Amino acid sequence: MGAAVSSLLDLVALSLTPFSWRRTLGDRLRAGAEAGALLEELTPPTPRARDVRARLAGEARAAIDRAMRTGIDVIAWSDADYPPALAVIHDPPPVLWLRGDRHTLLRPAVALVGSRAGSATALTFAEQLGADLANQGVLVVSGLARGVDAAAHRGALAAGGPTLAVLGSGVDVVYPPEHRAIADLIARSPDSAVVSELVPGTRPLQWLFPLRNRIISGLSRAVVVVEAGEKSGSLITARCALEQGRDVFAVPGSVLGGRNRGGHALLRDGAQIVESADDILEELQLSDRTRAIPIRTRTDEHDPVLASWPAGEPWDLDTISAQSGLPPARLLPRLLELELRGVVRRTGGGRFIRLDRSC
């Protein structure tokens, strides 16, 4: 477990507070606020507040104990392995619970989402698209739901590539239950994982699924809607992606039957069209089979990321983006490249530090 126990306890307790209490949580955490202090601010200012905090601490301790007994990993906000792409969204989870390879969350990712009652054509295309992206080392992210989601995961697994399932329940409570086998296979596969912001044991309640959609998009550089009706939940994921500054793609489909009206609406509103994986790979500059990390040779003087970044100073993604002029979606692959080359290092809380050595 990546964080000190006291900090982890506070962050898990923070994750148990009502979502309506945590609307400014991301800004406060990025500003360096301590989880314990935030808990005191969020709990009602009444004589019973101490009891509320004690109850939250007890539930947090029970969740950590359950995770340790069942082999579930936890990545806290303060952990260096907390994904920087997720750290910059408006309402990042204080902790992530995980079965599988935690470093999966640091890979360049594309989300594939769509209808739970997808047509045979859509399911075939989603499976092929998942396989083609995974074959290029791109992490295929989806929600393990029936239909398009499961097809995308199956395609990535069949290609032997990475995939990530984001649940609207605890990672030990798979929904739908018939997908337990595929969830277990994902958790056991190299470079893959099952993840949730919800403490182990959380049941799959309907209102939790729209909340998890912001995590699917937040972990990804782009969201691809394979097929969606007018009221499809995948449109919520697409909206989250736009709010988070991610790219949105949509797959055109038949105009008969109304199965893809939501996808066609996205295309009319400016989503980029997808006919094959190449459309995504080329647009995101992920078309090289080098684990999706473009390698370039630059000097410090001409590198927009390094030019004004003092060695030894930790910066968050927003600061690096503002200084370099690169949007987060374009900046993350460059930071991954620099990290692999030993030029920068993660310090936790979505921050990076430039090391004192030549690029």
Protein backbone atom coordinates (compact mmCIF):
# COMPACT_ATOMS: atom_id res chain seq x y z
CA MET A 1 0.00 0.00 0.00
CA GLY A 2 1.53 3.24 -1.23
CA ALA A 3 0.69 5.84 1.44
CA ALA A 4 1.43 6.07 5.15
CA VAL A 5 -1.35 4.49 7.22
CA SER A 6 -2.52 7.73 8.84
CA SER A 7 -2.76 9.57 5.52
CA LEU A 8 -4.40 6.56 3.88
CA LEU A 9 -6.99 6.33 6.64
CA ASP A 10 -7.89 10.00 6.22
CA LEU A 11 -8.12 9.71 2.43
CA VAL A 12 -10.32 6.61 2.60
CA ALA A 13 -12.51 8.35 5.18
CA LEU A 14 -12.69 11.34 2.84
CA SER A 15 -13.85 9.04 0.05
CA LEU A 16 -16.75 7.88 2.25
CA THR A 17 -18.26 11.35 2.64
CA PRO A 18 -21.31 12.19 0.46
CA PHE A 19 -20.39 13.19 -3.08
CA SER A 20 -22.31 16.45 -2.66
CA TRP A 21 -19.85 17.46 0.08
CA ARG A 22 -16.81 17.02 -2.14
CA ARG A 23 -17.42 19.35 -5.08
CA THR A 24 -14.27 21.40 -4.48
CA LEU A 25 -12.18 18.48 -3.28
CA GLY A 26 -9.92 18.33 -6.34
CA ASP A 27 -8.87 21.97 -6.09
CA ARG A 28 -8.14 21.64 -2.38
CA LEU A 29 -6.09 18.46 -2.75
CA ARG A 30 -4.10 19.93 -5.65
CA ALA A 31 -3.42 22.98 -3.49
CA GLY A 32 -1.83 20.72 -0.87
CA ALA A 33 -4.65 20.51 1.69
CA GLU A 34 -4.36 17.60 4.14
CA ALA A 35 -7.12 15.00 4.05
CA GLY A 36 -7.64 15.23 7.82
CA ALA A 37 -8.20 18.98 7.63
CA LEU A 38 -10.63 18.52 4.73
CA LEU A 39 -12.57 15.97 6.77
CA GLU A 40 -13.00 18.49 9.54
CA GLU A 41 -14.25 21.07 7.05
CA LEU A 42 -16.65 18.66 5.35
CA THR A 43 -18.25 17.14 8.43
CA PRO A 44 -21.23 19.14 9.72
CA PRO A 45 -20.27 21.88 12.24
CA THR A 46 -22.32 20.38 15.07
CA PRO A 47 -21.51 18.75 18.42
CA ARG A 48 -21.97 15.38 16.67
CA ALA A 49 -19.20 16.08 14.13
CA ARG A 50 -16.67 14.18 16.23
CA ASP A 51 -18.95 11.12 16.13
CA VAL A 52 -19.30 11.45 12.35
CA ARG A 53 -15.52 11.55 11.90
CA ALA A 54 -15.09 8.59 14.26
CA ARG A 55 -17.64 6.59 12.25
CA LEU A 56 -15.90 7.47 8.97
CA ALA A 57 -12.52 6.45 10.43
CA GLY A 58 -13.96 3.12 11.57
CA GLU A 59 -15.46 2.42 8.16
CA ALA A 60 -12.17 3.41 6.48
CA ARG A 61 -10.18 1.07 8.73
CA ALA A 62 -12.62 -1.77 7.98
CA ALA A 63 -12.27 -1.14 4.22
CA ILE A 64 -8.47 -1.22 4.39
CA ASP A 65 -8.57 -4.42 6.48
CA ARG A 66 -10.91 -6.05 3.96
CA ALA A 67 -8.62 -5.06 1.10
CA MET A 68 -5.57 -6.50 2.84
CA ARG A 69 -7.37 -9.79 3.55
CA THR A 70 -8.56 -10.20 -0.04
CA GLY A 71 -5.46 -9.01 -1.93
CA ILE A 72 -6.96 -5.71 -3.13
CA ASP A 73 -4.47 -2.91 -3.74
CA VAL A 74 -5.20 0.74 -2.91
CA ILE A 75 -3.66 3.79 -4.52
CA ALA A 76 -4.07 6.96 -2.48
CA TRP A 77 -4.05 10.51 -3.80
CA SER A 78 -0.65 10.99 -2.14
CA ASP A 79 0.82 7.92 -3.88
CA ALA A 80 3.31 8.44 -6.72
CA ASP A 81 1.38 5.82 -8.71
CA TYR A 82 -1.85 7.84 -8.63
CA PRO A 83 -2.59 8.50 -12.33
CA PRO A 84 -1.81 12.13 -13.22
CA ALA A 85 -4.50 12.19 -15.92
CA LEU A 86 -7.12 11.52 -13.23
CA ALA A 87 -5.53 13.88 -10.71
CA VAL A 88 -6.38 16.93 -12.85
CA ILE A 89 -10.13 16.35 -13.28
CA HIS A 90 -12.57 18.49 -11.31
CA ASP A 91 -13.49 15.78 -8.80
CA PRO A 92 -10.76 13.12 -8.60
CA PRO A 93 -11.25 10.15 -6.27
CA PRO A 94 -9.22 10.42 -3.04
CA VAL A 95 -8.33 6.73 -3.42
CA LEU A 96 -8.53 4.00 -6.04
CA TRP A 97 -9.05 0.32 -5.19
CA LEU A 98 -7.54 -2.14 -7.61
CA ARG A 99 -7.18 -5.79 -8.56
CA GLY A 100 -4.30 -6.34 -10.97
CA ASP A 101 -1.28 -4.31 -12.07
CA ARG A 102 -1.34 -0.81 -10.53
CA HIS A 103 1.06 0.50 -13.19
CA THR A 104 -1.68 -0.13 -15.74
CA LEU A 105 -3.18 3.20 -14.68
CA LEU A 106 -0.11 5.08 -15.92
CA ARG A 107 -0.37 3.89 -19.53
CA PRO A 108 -1.72 6.04 -22.41
CA ALA A 109 -5.38 5.01 -22.61
CA VAL A 110 -8.43 5.19 -24.85
CA ALA A 111 -11.95 4.46 -23.59
CA LEU A 112 -14.38 2.40 -25.68
CA VAL A 113 -18.00 2.70 -24.57
CA GLY A 114 -21.43 2.08 -26.02
CA SER A 115 -24.82 0.46 -25.73
CA ARG A 116 -25.50 -2.41 -23.34
CA ALA A 117 -27.82 -3.81 -26.02
CA GLY A 118 -25.47 -3.24 -28.90
CA SER A 119 -26.16 -4.62 -32.35
CA ALA A 120 -24.14 -7.57 -33.60
CA THR A 121 -22.26 -5.21 -35.91
CA ALA A 122 -21.38 -2.86 -33.03
CA LEU A 123 -20.17 -5.70 -30.81
CA THR A 124 -17.99 -7.11 -33.58
CA PHE A 125 -16.52 -3.67 -34.31
CA ALA A 126 -15.91 -2.93 -30.60
CA GLU A 127 -14.07 -6.22 -30.18
CA GLN A 128 -11.91 -5.58 -33.25
CA LEU A 129 -11.23 -1.99 -32.20
CA GLY A 130 -10.23 -3.13 -28.71
CA ALA A 131 -7.87 -5.71 -30.19
CA ASP A 132 -6.29 -3.28 -32.66
CA LEU A 133 -5.68 -0.60 -30.01
CA ALA A 134 -4.33 -3.07 -27.46
CA ASN A 135 -2.05 -4.56 -30.10
CA GLN A 136 -0.42 -1.13 -30.34
CA GLY A 137 0.13 -1.00 -26.58
CA VAL A 138 -2.78 1.37 -25.93
CA LEU A 139 -4.71 0.69 -22.72
CA VAL A 140 -8.36 -0.09 -23.57
CA VAL A 141 -10.60 1.35 -20.84
CA SER A 142 -14.27 0.48 -20.40
CA GLY A 143 -16.87 -0.26 -17.75
CA LEU A 144 -17.33 -4.06 -17.95
CA ALA A 145 -21.00 -3.56 -18.76
CA ARG A 146 -22.97 -5.82 -21.06
CA GLY A 147 -22.70 -5.13 -24.77
CA VAL A 148 -20.01 -2.83 -26.17
CA ASP A 149 -17.97 -2.58 -22.95
CA ALA A 150 -17.49 -6.32 -22.57
CA ALA A 151 -16.73 -6.68 -26.29
CA ALA A 152 -13.96 -4.06 -26.04
CA HIS A 153 -12.40 -5.85 -23.05
CA ARG A 154 -12.61 -9.21 -24.84
CA GLY A 155 -10.88 -7.80 -27.91
CA ALA A 156 -8.01 -6.35 -25.87
CA LEU A 157 -7.55 -9.61 -23.95
CA ALA A 158 -7.63 -11.67 -27.14
CA ALA A 159 -4.83 -9.50 -28.55
CA GLY A 160 -2.76 -10.02 -25.41
CA GLY A 161 -2.81 -6.29 -24.77
CA PRO A 162 -3.71 -4.11 -21.78
CA THR A 163 -7.25 -3.37 -20.64
CA LEU A 164 -8.81 -1.65 -17.61
CA ALA A 165 -12.30 -2.24 -16.24
CA VAL A 166 -13.74 0.64 -14.18
CA LEU A 167 -16.56 -0.54 -11.92
CA GLY A 168 -19.55 1.21 -10.35
CA SER A 169 -19.20 -1.10 -7.34
CA GLY A 170 -16.39 -2.42 -5.19
CA VAL A 171 -13.73 -4.28 -7.16
CA ASP A 172 -14.76 -7.45 -5.31
CA VAL A 173 -18.43 -7.08 -6.29
CA VAL A 174 -18.61 -7.55 -10.06
CA TYR A 175 -21.67 -6.32 -11.94
CA PRO A 176 -23.19 -7.77 -13.99
CA PRO A 177 -22.48 -11.02 -12.11
CA GLU A 178 -22.04 -13.03 -15.32
CA HIS A 179 -18.92 -10.94 -16.01
CA ARG A 180 -17.10 -12.24 -12.94
CA ALA A 181 -14.99 -14.54 -15.13
CA ILE A 182 -13.86 -11.76 -17.47
CA ALA A 183 -13.14 -9.49 -14.48
CA ASP A 184 -10.96 -12.19 -12.93
CA LEU A 185 -9.18 -12.71 -16.26
CA ILE A 186 -8.49 -8.96 -16.54
CA ALA A 187 -7.11 -8.86 -12.98
CA ARG A 188 -4.75 -11.75 -13.76
CA SER A 189 -3.59 -10.52 -17.16
CA PRO A 190 -0.31 -8.58 -17.63
CA ASP A 191 -0.68 -4.79 -17.82
CA SER A 192 -4.40 -4.99 -16.96
CA ALA A 193 -6.55 -4.27 -13.92
CA VAL A 194 -10.02 -3.83 -12.43
CA VAL A 195 -10.42 -0.53 -10.57
CA SER A 196 -13.01 1.43 -8.58
CA GLU A 197 -13.17 4.50 -6.36
CA LEU A 198 -15.63 2.68 -4.10
CA VAL A 199 -14.54 0.78 -1.01
CA PRO A 200 -14.50 -3.03 -1.23
CA GLY A 201 -17.90 -4.55 -0.65
CA THR A 202 -19.87 -1.66 -2.18
CA ARG A 203 -22.96 -2.95 -3.97
CA PRO A 204 -23.75 -1.81 -7.55
CA LEU A 205 -26.35 0.92 -7.02
CA GLN A 206 -27.83 2.67 -10.06
CA TRP A 207 -26.70 6.17 -9.09
CA LEU A 208 -23.06 5.06 -8.82
CA PHE A 209 -22.66 4.22 -12.51
CA PRO A 210 -22.90 7.80 -13.87
CA LEU A 211 -20.27 8.79 -11.28
CA ARG A 212 -17.84 6.09 -12.44
CA ASN A 213 -18.15 7.40 -16.02
CA ARG A 214 -16.08 10.47 -15.11
CA ILE A 215 -13.28 8.08 -14.08
CA ILE A 216 -13.47 6.17 -17.38
CA SER A 217 -12.99 9.42 -19.30
CA GLY A 218 -10.60 10.92 -16.75
CA LEU A 219 -8.14 8.06 -17.14
CA SER A 220 -8.27 8.26 -20.93
CA ARG A 221 -6.87 10.51 -23.62
CA ALA A 222 -10.02 10.01 -25.68
CA VAL A 223 -13.46 8.42 -25.48
CA VAL A 224 -14.83 6.44 -28.43
CA VAL A 225 -18.60 5.89 -28.55
CA VAL A 226 -19.14 2.77 -30.64
CA GLU A 227 -22.94 2.75 -30.62
CA ALA A 228 -25.37 4.73 -28.47
CA GLY A 229 -29.07 5.43 -28.39
CA GLU A 230 -30.50 8.81 -27.47
CA LYS A 231 -30.47 8.05 -23.72
CA SER A 232 -27.39 5.83 -23.55
CA GLY A 233 -25.19 6.10 -20.48
CA SER A 234 -22.19 6.26 -22.79
CA LEU A 235 -23.27 9.80 -23.72
CA ILE A 236 -22.62 10.75 -20.08
CA THR A 237 -19.07 9.47 -20.49
CA ALA A 238 -18.70 11.52 -23.69
CA ARG A 239 -19.95 14.63 -21.88
CA CYS A 240 -17.49 14.02 -19.04
CA ALA A 241 -14.71 13.70 -21.61
CA LEU A 242 -15.56 17.06 -23.15
CA GLU A 243 -15.67 18.72 -19.72
CA GLN A 244 -12.26 17.22 -18.92
CA GLY A 245 -10.70 18.38 -22.20
CA ARG A 246 -10.47 14.88 -23.71
CA ASP A 247 -11.11 14.03 -27.35
CA VAL A 248 -14.41 12.42 -28.31
CA PHE A 249 -14.81 10.03 -31.24
CA ALA A 250 -17.92 8.27 -32.53
CA VAL A 251 -18.52 5.37 -34.88
CA PRO A 252 -21.17 5.96 -37.57
CA GLY A 253 -23.87 3.33 -37.89
CA SER A 254 -27.13 2.50 -39.57
CA VAL A 255 -29.87 5.15 -39.48
CA LEU A 256 -32.47 2.38 -39.28
CA GLY A 257 -33.90 1.40 -35.93
CA GLY A 258 -32.46 4.32 -33.94
CA ARG A 259 -29.73 2.26 -32.25
CA ASN A 260 -27.06 4.90 -32.91
CA ARG A 261 -28.94 8.18 -32.70
CA GLY A 262 -26.79 9.25 -29.77
CA GLY A 263 -23.60 8.50 -31.71
CA HIS A 264 -24.83 10.41 -34.75
CA ALA A 265 -25.74 13.37 -32.51
CA LEU A 266 -22.15 13.41 -31.27
CA LEU A 267 -20.88 13.45 -34.86
CA ARG A 268 -23.17 16.36 -35.70
CA ASP A 269 -21.80 18.21 -32.67
CA GLY A 270 -18.21 17.80 -33.82
CA ALA A 271 -17.04 14.40 -32.58
CA GLN A 272 -14.41 12.85 -34.79
CA ILE A 273 -15.45 9.93 -36.95
CA VAL A 274 -13.94 6.48 -36.40
CA GLU A 275 -13.85 3.82 -39.08
CA SER A 276 -10.80 1.95 -37.79
CA ALA A 277 -8.21 2.07 -35.02
CA ASP A 278 -5.92 4.04 -37.34
CA ASP A 279 -8.24 7.06 -37.07
CA ILE A 280 -7.67 7.14 -33.31
CA LEU A 281 -3.98 6.24 -33.34
CA GLU A 282 -3.10 8.90 -35.90
CA GLU A 283 -5.14 11.66 -34.26
CA LEU A 284 -3.60 10.96 -30.84
CA GLN A 285 -0.13 10.26 -32.29
CA LEU A 286 -0.16 6.74 -30.87
CA SER A 287 0.41 4.88 -34.13
CA ASP A 288 3.88 3.51 -33.32
CA ARG A 289 4.25 0.08 -31.65
CA THR A 290 6.50 1.54 -28.95
CA ARG A 291 4.15 1.13 -26.01
CA ALA A 292 2.35 4.22 -27.28
CA ILE A 293 5.13 6.59 -26.17
CA PRO A 294 6.60 8.75 -28.95
CA ILE A 295 10.37 9.13 -28.67
CA ARG A 296 11.91 12.38 -29.80
CA THR A 297 15.33 13.93 -29.43
CA ARG A 298 15.32 17.47 -28.09
CA THR A 299 17.60 19.71 -26.10
CA ASP A 300 16.47 21.37 -22.88
CA GLU A 301 16.66 24.73 -24.59
CA HIS A 302 14.10 23.83 -27.25
CA ASP A 303 11.90 21.39 -25.33
CA PRO A 304 8.65 23.22 -24.44
CA VAL A 305 8.15 21.05 -21.34
CA LEU A 306 11.66 21.47 -19.91
CA ALA A 307 12.62 24.95 -21.10
CA SER A 308 11.20 26.86 -18.11
CA TRP A 309 10.99 24.08 -15.54
CA PRO A 310 13.63 24.43 -12.79
CA ALA A 311 15.28 21.21 -11.64
CA GLY A 312 14.12 20.00 -8.23
CA GLU A 313 10.82 21.88 -8.34
CA PRO A 314 7.59 19.79 -8.19
CA TRP A 315 4.89 20.97 -10.59
CA ASP A 316 1.37 19.67 -11.14
CA LEU A 317 -0.03 18.99 -14.59
CA ASP A 318 -1.89 22.31 -14.77
CA THR A 319 1.33 24.26 -14.11
CA ILE A 320 3.35 22.27 -16.65
CA SER A 321 0.58 22.73 -19.19
CA ALA A 322 0.42 26.48 -18.61
CA GLN A 323 4.21 26.88 -18.83
CA SER A 324 4.66 24.66 -21.90
CA GLY A 325 1.53 25.64 -23.79
CA LEU A 326 0.64 21.96 -24.28
CA PRO A 327 -2.87 20.72 -23.34
CA PRO A 328 -2.96 17.83 -20.83
CA ALA A 329 -3.97 15.30 -23.48
CA ARG A 330 -0.80 16.08 -25.46
CA LEU A 331 1.37 16.65 -22.39
CA LEU A 332 0.89 13.28 -20.67
CA PRO A 333 2.67 11.16 -23.33
CA ARG A 334 5.63 13.54 -23.24
CA LEU A 335 5.85 13.28 -19.44
CA LEU A 336 5.72 9.50 -19.66
CA GLU A 337 8.59 9.60 -22.15
CA LEU A 338 10.65 11.87 -19.89
CA GLU A 339 9.91 9.64 -16.90
CA LEU A 340 11.11 6.55 -18.74
CA ARG A 341 14.30 8.40 -19.65
CA GLY A 342 14.91 9.40 -16.03
CA VAL A 343 14.39 13.12 -16.61
CA VAL A 344 11.27 13.57 -14.45
CA ARG A 345 9.76 11.61 -11.57
CA ARG A 346 6.28 11.42 -10.04
CA THR A 347 6.03 12.70 -6.48
CA GLY A 348 2.40 11.91 -5.70
CA GLY A 349 -0.75 14.03 -5.72
CA GLY A 350 -0.55 14.35 -9.49
CA ARG A 351 2.80 16.18 -9.33
CA PHE A 352 6.06 15.68 -11.21
CA ILE A 353 9.55 16.83 -10.33
CA ARG A 354 12.27 17.56 -12.84
CA LEU A 355 15.49 15.79 -11.91
CA ASP A 356 18.84 17.55 -12.00
CA ARG A 357 20.33 15.85 -15.06
CA SER A 358 20.58 16.47 -18.77
CA CYS A 359 17.75 15.48 -21.09
